[in-house]
Amino acid sequence: MRTLNLNWMSHQRWPTFSMLMMALLFLFPQPVARSYRLQRTRRRDPNPPHVNDFFVAHTRRALAEMERTGIPASLTLAQAILESGWGRSDLAIEAHNFFGIKQRDWPCGYWYKNSHYRCYDDVNASFRDHSDFLLQKVAIQKLLRGKRQDYKTWTGTLVKIGYAEDPGYAVKLNNLIAKYRLDRLDLVVLANRSGR
């Protein structure tokens, strides 16, 4: 006598999402492809265009400075974002000063918001001078000798050395680093160093 197998559905494979998409694309090529592409684009890139433009333009500079000096790329990028308003401040555009470094006796000066700031020939010079400016500080030298790459230690040290007048400066930098996961850049450089 034959028995009825009620578990037949457990052995059958249900179509996957990709198979369904291929079937829909075959039946309705234009509308489905367009809507699928739009959904993928929206999901993949939540940042406004100026944010992406900033990262494309300046990430390699921050990585190069970390390679040269050891100062974390995450810290450099977060400071550049905060100090230059994503590279859109007048100081960044006209004086190429992405870090808000002030100084009266600098060869070329730029008057901005009632203060005298350094100006540079190009953005690379601004990133390089920022690293050199930080390397002059004893607390930064201690961090570099200790090989501490934890970004919260670095941002706290910036406040201790008086880099900014804002008491919430470290918190703002930490939030930027965490939101955009900039600390992953530091890991890339550290992995390259250990692989040599």
C-alpha atoms as a PDB file:
ATOM      1  CA  MET A   1       0.000   0.000   0.000  1.00  0.00           C
ATOM      2  CA  ARG A   2       1.308   3.457  -0.930  1.00  0.00           C
ATOM      3  CA  THR A   3       1.509   6.257   1.616  1.00  0.00           C
ATOM      4  CA  LEU A   4       0.900   9.853   0.795  1.00  0.00           C
ATOM      5  CA  ASN A   5       4.007  12.036   1.287  1.00  0.00           C
ATOM      6  CA  LEU A   6       2.871  15.280   2.848  1.00  0.00           C
ATOM      7  CA  ASN A   7       6.402  16.645   3.199  1.00  0.00           C
ATOM      8  CA  TRP A   8       6.880  17.166  -0.529  1.00  0.00           C
ATOM      9  CA  MET A   9       7.234  20.970  -0.074  1.00  0.00           C
ATOM     10  CA  SER A  10      10.208  20.629   2.255  1.00  0.00           C
ATOM     11  CA  HIS A  11      12.234  18.978  -0.504  1.00  0.00           C
ATOM     12  CA  GLN A  12      11.310  21.415  -3.219  1.00  0.00           C
ATOM     13  CA  ARG A  13      13.510  24.455  -3.793  1.00  0.00           C
ATOM     14  CA  TRP A  14      11.703  27.745  -3.978  1.00  0.00           C
ATOM     15  CA  PRO A  15      12.900  30.295  -6.548  1.00  0.00           C
ATOM     16  CA  THR A  16      15.474  32.709  -5.241  1.00  0.00           C
ATOM     17  CA  PHE A  17      15.219  36.471  -5.501  1.00  0.00           C
ATOM     18  CA  SER A  18      17.691  36.584  -8.384  1.00  0.00           C
ATOM     19  CA  MET A  19      15.675  34.035 -10.357  1.00  0.00           C
ATOM     20  CA  LEU A  20      12.528  36.089  -9.831  1.00  0.00           C
ATOM     21  CA  MET A  21      14.341  39.256 -10.937  1.00  0.00           C
ATOM     22  CA  MET A  22      15.582  37.529 -14.085  1.00  0.00           C
ATOM     23  CA  ALA A  23      12.048  36.393 -14.895  1.00  0.00           C
ATOM     24  CA  LEU A  24      10.668  39.894 -14.340  1.00  0.00           C
ATOM     25  CA  LEU A  25      13.464  41.417 -16.419  1.00  0.00           C
ATOM     26  CA  PHE A  26      12.639  39.042 -19.236  1.00  0.00           C
ATOM     27  CA  LEU A  27       8.936  39.847 -19.121  1.00  0.00           C
ATOM     28  CA  PHE A  28       9.200  43.609 -18.413  1.00  0.00           C
ATOM     29  CA  PRO A  29      12.764  44.695 -19.236  1.00  0.00           C
ATOM     30  CA  GLN A  30      12.567  48.491 -19.013  1.00  0.00           C
ATOM     31  CA  PRO A  31      10.415  49.310 -15.952  1.00  0.00           C
ATOM     32  CA  VAL A  32      11.821  46.591 -13.698  1.00  0.00           C
ATOM     33  CA  ALA A  33      15.446  47.310 -14.514  1.00  0.00           C
ATOM     34  CA  ARG A  34      14.965  51.029 -13.936  1.00  0.00           C
ATOM     35  CA  SER A  35      13.225  50.604 -10.565  1.00  0.00           C
ATOM     36  CA  TYR A  36      15.696  47.956  -9.407  1.00  0.00           C
ATOM     37  CA  ARG A  37      18.643  50.194 -10.331  1.00  0.00           C
ATOM     38  CA  LEU A  38      17.108  53.155  -8.473  1.00  0.00           C
ATOM     39  CA  GLN A  39      16.495  51.083  -5.347  1.00  0.00           C
ATOM     40  CA  ARG A  40      20.069  49.762  -5.378  1.00  0.00           C
ATOM     41  CA  THR A  41      21.465  53.281  -5.831  1.00  0.00           C
ATOM     42  CA  ARG A  42      19.387  54.744  -3.006  1.00  0.00           C
ATOM     43  CA  ARG A  43      20.307  51.945  -0.647  1.00  0.00           C
ATOM     44  CA  ARG A  44      23.983  51.935  -1.479  1.00  0.00           C
ATOM     45  CA  ASP A  45      24.698  55.673  -1.269  1.00  0.00           C
ATOM     46  CA  PRO A  46      22.897  57.626   1.455  1.00  0.00           C
ATOM     47  CA  ASN A  47      25.437  60.484   1.410  1.00  0.00           C
ATOM     48  CA  PRO A  48      24.860  63.819  -0.324  1.00  0.00           C
ATOM     49  CA  PRO A  49      27.095  64.406  -3.362  1.00  0.00           C
ATOM     50  CA  HIS A  50      29.380  66.918  -1.590  1.00  0.00           C
ATOM     51  CA  VAL A  51      30.215  64.275   1.045  1.00  0.00           C
ATOM     52  CA  ASN A  52      31.256  61.740  -1.582  1.00  0.00           C
ATOM     53  CA  ASP A  53      33.187  64.410  -3.491  1.00  0.00           C
ATOM     54  CA  PHE A  54      35.069  65.305  -0.324  1.00  0.00           C
ATOM     55  CA  PHE A  55      36.062  61.704   0.365  1.00  0.00           C
ATOM     56  CA  VAL A  56      37.112  61.115  -3.241  1.00  0.00           C
ATOM     57  CA  ALA A  57      39.236  64.264  -3.262  1.00  0.00           C
ATOM     58  CA  HIS A  58      40.906  64.024   0.148  1.00  0.00           C
ATOM     59  CA  THR A  59      41.075  60.441   1.428  1.00  0.00           C
ATOM     60  CA  ARG A  60      44.330  59.699  -0.377  1.00  0.00           C
ATOM     61  CA  ARG A  61      45.877  62.835   1.145  1.00  0.00           C
ATOM     62  CA  ALA A  62      44.990  61.700   4.659  1.00  0.00           C
ATOM     63  CA  LEU A  63      46.328  58.203   3.943  1.00  0.00           C
ATOM     64  CA  ALA A  64      49.579  59.627   2.557  1.00  0.00           C
ATOM     65  CA  GLU A  65      50.036  61.763   5.663  1.00  0.00           C
ATOM     66  CA  MET A  66      49.437  58.774   7.929  1.00  0.00           C
ATOM     67  CA  GLU A  67      51.982  56.827   5.938  1.00  0.00           C
ATOM     68  CA  ARG A  68      54.457  59.707   6.250  1.00  0.00           C
ATOM     69  CA  THR A  69      53.920  60.717   9.888  1.00  0.00           C
ATOM     70  CA  GLY A  70      51.807  58.103  11.679  1.00  0.00           C
ATOM     71  CA  ILE A  71      48.997  60.548  12.492  1.00  0.00           C
ATOM     72  CA  PRO A  72      45.763  58.605  11.903  1.00  0.00           C
ATOM     73  CA  ALA A  73      44.018  59.257   8.600  1.00  0.00           C
ATOM     74  CA  SER A  74      40.685  59.107  10.432  1.00  0.00           C
ATOM     75  CA  LEU A  75      41.706  62.038  12.616  1.00  0.00           C
ATOM     76  CA  THR A  76      43.034  64.052   9.682  1.00  0.00           C
ATOM     77  CA  LEU A  77      39.884  63.542   7.604  1.00  0.00           C
ATOM     78  CA  ALA A  78      37.523  64.240  10.507  1.00  0.00           C
ATOM     79  CA  GLN A  79      39.361  67.470  11.297  1.00  0.00           C
ATOM     80  CA  ALA A  80      39.333  68.513   7.645  1.00  0.00           C
ATOM     81  CA  ILE A  81      35.579  67.863   7.477  1.00  0.00           C
ATOM     82  CA  LEU A  82      34.831  69.770  10.655  1.00  0.00           C
ATOM     83  CA  GLU A  83      37.207  72.690  10.131  1.00  0.00           C
ATOM     84  CA  SER A  84      36.479  73.252   6.440  1.00  0.00           C
ATOM     85  CA  GLY A  85      32.763  72.439   6.360  1.00  0.00           C
ATOM     86  CA  TRP A  86      33.321  69.577   3.917  1.00  0.00           C
ATOM     87  CA  GLY A  87      35.763  71.758   1.972  1.00  0.00           C
ATOM     88  CA  ARG A  88      33.115  74.396   1.278  1.00  0.00           C
ATOM     89  CA  SER A  89      34.164  77.157   3.688  1.00  0.00           C
ATOM     90  CA  ASP A  90      35.701  80.362   2.328  1.00  0.00           C
ATOM     91  CA  LEU A  91      38.895  79.564   4.235  1.00  0.00           C
ATOM     92  CA  ALA A  92      39.184  76.189   2.480  1.00  0.00           C
ATOM     93  CA  ILE A  93      38.254  77.500  -0.958  1.00  0.00           C
ATOM     94  CA  GLU A  94      40.278  80.717  -1.027  1.00  0.00           C
ATOM     95  CA  ALA A  95      43.223  79.959   1.286  1.00  0.00           C
ATOM     96  CA  HIS A  96      43.324  76.134   0.917  1.00  0.00           C
ATOM     97  CA  ASN A  97      43.304  75.986   4.740  1.00  0.00           C
ATOM     98  CA  PHE A  98      41.354  72.837   5.613  1.00  0.00           C
ATOM     99  CA  PHE A  99      42.335  72.724   9.295  1.00  0.00           C
ATOM    100  CA  GLY A 100      41.705  76.230  10.610  1.00  0.00           C
ATOM    101  CA  ILE A 101      45.299  76.781  11.660  1.00  0.00           C
ATOM    102  CA  LYS A 102      45.801  80.396  12.737  1.00  0.00           C
ATOM    103  CA  GLN A 103      49.053  82.323  12.683  1.00  0.00           C
ATOM    104  CA  ARG A 104      50.028  85.955  12.326  1.00  0.00           C
ATOM    105  CA  ASP A 105      53.632  85.562  11.156  1.00  0.00           C
ATOM    106  CA  TRP A 106      52.929  83.113   8.348  1.00  0.00           C
ATOM    107  CA  PRO A 107      54.367  84.072   4.896  1.00  0.00           C
ATOM    108  CA  CYS A 108      50.908  84.442   3.440  1.00  0.00           C
ATOM    109  CA  GLY A 109      47.969  85.203   5.646  1.00  0.00           C
ATOM    110  CA  TYR A 110      44.237  85.151   5.219  1.00  0.00           C
ATOM    111  CA  TRP A 111      41.842  87.223   7.292  1.00  0.00           C
ATOM    112  CA  TYR A 112      38.730  85.207   8.088  1.00  0.00           C
ATOM    113  CA  LYS A 113      36.095  85.684  10.811  1.00  0.00           C
ATOM    114  CA  ASN A 114      38.191  88.253  12.711  1.00  0.00           C
ATOM    115  CA  SER A 115      41.312  86.071  12.836  1.00  0.00           C
ATOM    116  CA  HIS A 116      44.491  85.664  10.826  1.00  0.00           C
ATOM    117  CA  TYR A 117      44.896  82.192   9.275  1.00  0.00           C
ATOM    118  CA  ARG A 118      47.610  80.419   7.342  1.00  0.00           C
ATOM    119  CA  CYS A 119      47.120  80.126   3.603  1.00  0.00           C
ATOM    120  CA  TYR A 120      48.605  77.586   1.221  1.00  0.00           C
ATOM    121  CA  ASP A 121      49.397  77.210  -2.458  1.00  0.00           C
ATOM    122  CA  ASP A 122      47.312  74.023  -2.676  1.00  0.00           C
ATOM    123  CA  VAL A 123      45.371  71.521  -0.577  1.00  0.00           C
ATOM    124  CA  ASN A 124      48.311  69.096  -0.358  1.00  0.00           C
ATOM    125  CA  ALA A 125      50.343  71.776   1.406  1.00  0.00           C
ATOM    126  CA  SER A 126      47.506  72.265   3.898  1.00  0.00           C
ATOM    127  CA  PHE A 127      47.391  68.548   4.750  1.00  0.00           C
ATOM    128  CA  ARG A 128      51.176  68.396   5.036  1.00  0.00           C
ATOM    129  CA  ASP A 129      51.364  71.473   7.263  1.00  0.00           C
ATOM    130  CA  HIS A 130      48.598  70.106   9.499  1.00  0.00           C
ATOM    131  CA  SER A 131      50.675  66.985  10.154  1.00  0.00           C
ATOM    132  CA  ASP A 132      53.834  69.026  10.727  1.00  0.00           C
ATOM    133  CA  PHE A 133      51.943  71.372  13.057  1.00  0.00           C
ATOM    134  CA  LEU A 134      50.734  68.420  15.169  1.00  0.00           C
ATOM    135  CA  LEU A 135      54.182  66.772  15.203  1.00  0.00           C
ATOM    136  CA  GLN A 136      55.539  69.816  17.045  1.00  0.00           C
ATOM    137  CA  LYS A 137      53.329  69.010  20.057  1.00  0.00           C
ATOM    138  CA  VAL A 138      54.870  66.859  22.802  1.00  0.00           C
ATOM    139  CA  ALA A 139      51.590  65.052  23.517  1.00  0.00           C
ATOM    140  CA  ILE A 140      51.321  64.000  19.862  1.00  0.00           C
ATOM    141  CA  GLN A 141      54.923  62.760  19.872  1.00  0.00           C
ATOM    142  CA  LYS A 142      54.116  60.622  22.939  1.00  0.00           C
ATOM    143  CA  LEU A 143      51.110  59.106  21.156  1.00  0.00           C
ATOM    144  CA  LEU A 144      53.255  58.260  18.158  1.00  0.00           C
ATOM    145  CA  ARG A 145      55.974  56.676  20.304  1.00  0.00           C
ATOM    146  CA  GLY A 146      53.333  54.634  22.133  1.00  0.00           C
ATOM    147  CA  LYS A 147      51.850  53.413  18.821  1.00  0.00           C
ATOM    148  CA  ARG A 148      48.316  54.218  20.042  1.00  0.00           C
ATOM    149  CA  GLN A 149      45.992  54.302  17.044  1.00  0.00           C
ATOM    150  CA  ASP A 150      42.694  54.502  18.958  1.00  0.00           C
ATOM    151  CA  TYR A 151      40.972  57.541  17.485  1.00  0.00           C
ATOM    152  CA  LYS A 152      39.283  58.539  20.755  1.00  0.00           C
ATOM    153  CA  THR A 153      42.672  58.880  22.428  1.00  0.00           C
ATOM    154  CA  TRP A 154      43.821  61.078  19.562  1.00  0.00           C
ATOM    155  CA  THR A 155      40.758  63.337  19.591  1.00  0.00           C
ATOM    156  CA  GLY A 156      41.004  63.727  23.374  1.00  0.00           C
ATOM    157  CA  THR A 157      44.656  64.694  23.015  1.00  0.00           C
ATOM    158  CA  LEU A 158      43.753  67.388  20.485  1.00  0.00           C
ATOM    159  CA  VAL A 159      41.475  68.986  23.070  1.00  0.00           C
ATOM    160  CA  LYS A 160      44.175  68.716  25.767  1.00  0.00           C
ATOM    161  CA  ILE A 161      46.751  70.514  23.614  1.00  0.00           C
ATOM    162  CA  GLY A 162      44.233  73.288  22.882  1.00  0.00           C
ATOM    163  CA  TYR A 163      43.813  72.696  19.161  1.00  0.00           C
ATOM    164  CA  ALA A 164      40.267  74.070  19.211  1.00  0.00           C
ATOM    165  CA  GLU A 165      38.340  76.418  21.486  1.00  0.00           C
ATOM    166  CA  ASP A 166      35.167  74.315  21.274  1.00  0.00           C
ATOM    167  CA  PRO A 167      34.828  72.095  24.395  1.00  0.00           C
ATOM    168  CA  GLY A 168      32.804  69.581  22.344  1.00  0.00           C
ATOM    169  CA  TYR A 169      35.488  69.308  19.661  1.00  0.00           C
ATOM    170  CA  ALA A 170      36.517  65.726  20.540  1.00  0.00           C
ATOM    171  CA  VAL A 171      32.903  64.549  20.591  1.00  0.00           C
ATOM    172  CA  LYS A 172      32.243  66.079  17.162  1.00  0.00           C
ATOM    173  CA  LEU A 173      35.337  64.423  15.715  1.00  0.00           C
ATOM    174  CA  ASN A 174      34.433  61.076  17.316  1.00  0.00           C
ATOM    175  CA  ASN A 175      30.930  61.295  15.845  1.00  0.00           C
ATOM    176  CA  LEU A 176      32.280  61.979  12.348  1.00  0.00           C
ATOM    177  CA  ILE A 177      34.777  59.124  12.585  1.00  0.00           C
ATOM    178  CA  ALA A 178      32.110  56.724  13.835  1.00  0.00           C
ATOM    179  CA  LYS A 179      29.411  57.819  11.359  1.00  0.00           C
ATOM    180  CA  TYR A 180      31.626  57.455   8.290  1.00  0.00           C
ATOM    181  CA  ARG A 181      33.727  54.620   9.773  1.00  0.00           C
ATOM    182  CA  LEU A 182      36.911  56.525   9.055  1.00  0.00           C
ATOM    183  CA  ASP A 183      38.874  54.379  11.497  1.00  0.00           C
ATOM    184  CA  ARG A 184      38.904  51.654   8.822  1.00  0.00           C
ATOM    185  CA  LEU A 185      41.356  53.847   6.895  1.00  0.00           C
ATOM    186  CA  ASP A 186      43.802  53.631   9.792  1.00  0.00           C
ATOM    187  CA  LEU A 187      43.590  49.853   9.692  1.00  0.00           C
ATOM    188  CA  VAL A 188      44.480  49.858   5.989  1.00  0.00           C
ATOM    189  CA  VAL A 189      47.707  51.768   6.616  1.00  0.00           C
ATOM    190  CA  LEU A 190      48.561  49.690   9.682  1.00  0.00           C
ATOM    191  CA  ALA A 191      47.989  46.474   7.728  1.00  0.00           C
ATOM    192  CA  ASN A 192      50.257  47.749   4.930  1.00  0.00           C
ATOM    193  CA  ARG A 193      52.975  48.557   7.466  1.00  0.00           C
ATOM    194  CA  SER A 194      52.781  45.154   9.132  1.00  0.00           C
ATOM    195  CA  GLY A 195      52.818  43.400   5.748  1.00  0.00           C
ATOM    196  CA  ARG A 196      56.166  44.903   4.777  1.00  0.00           C
END
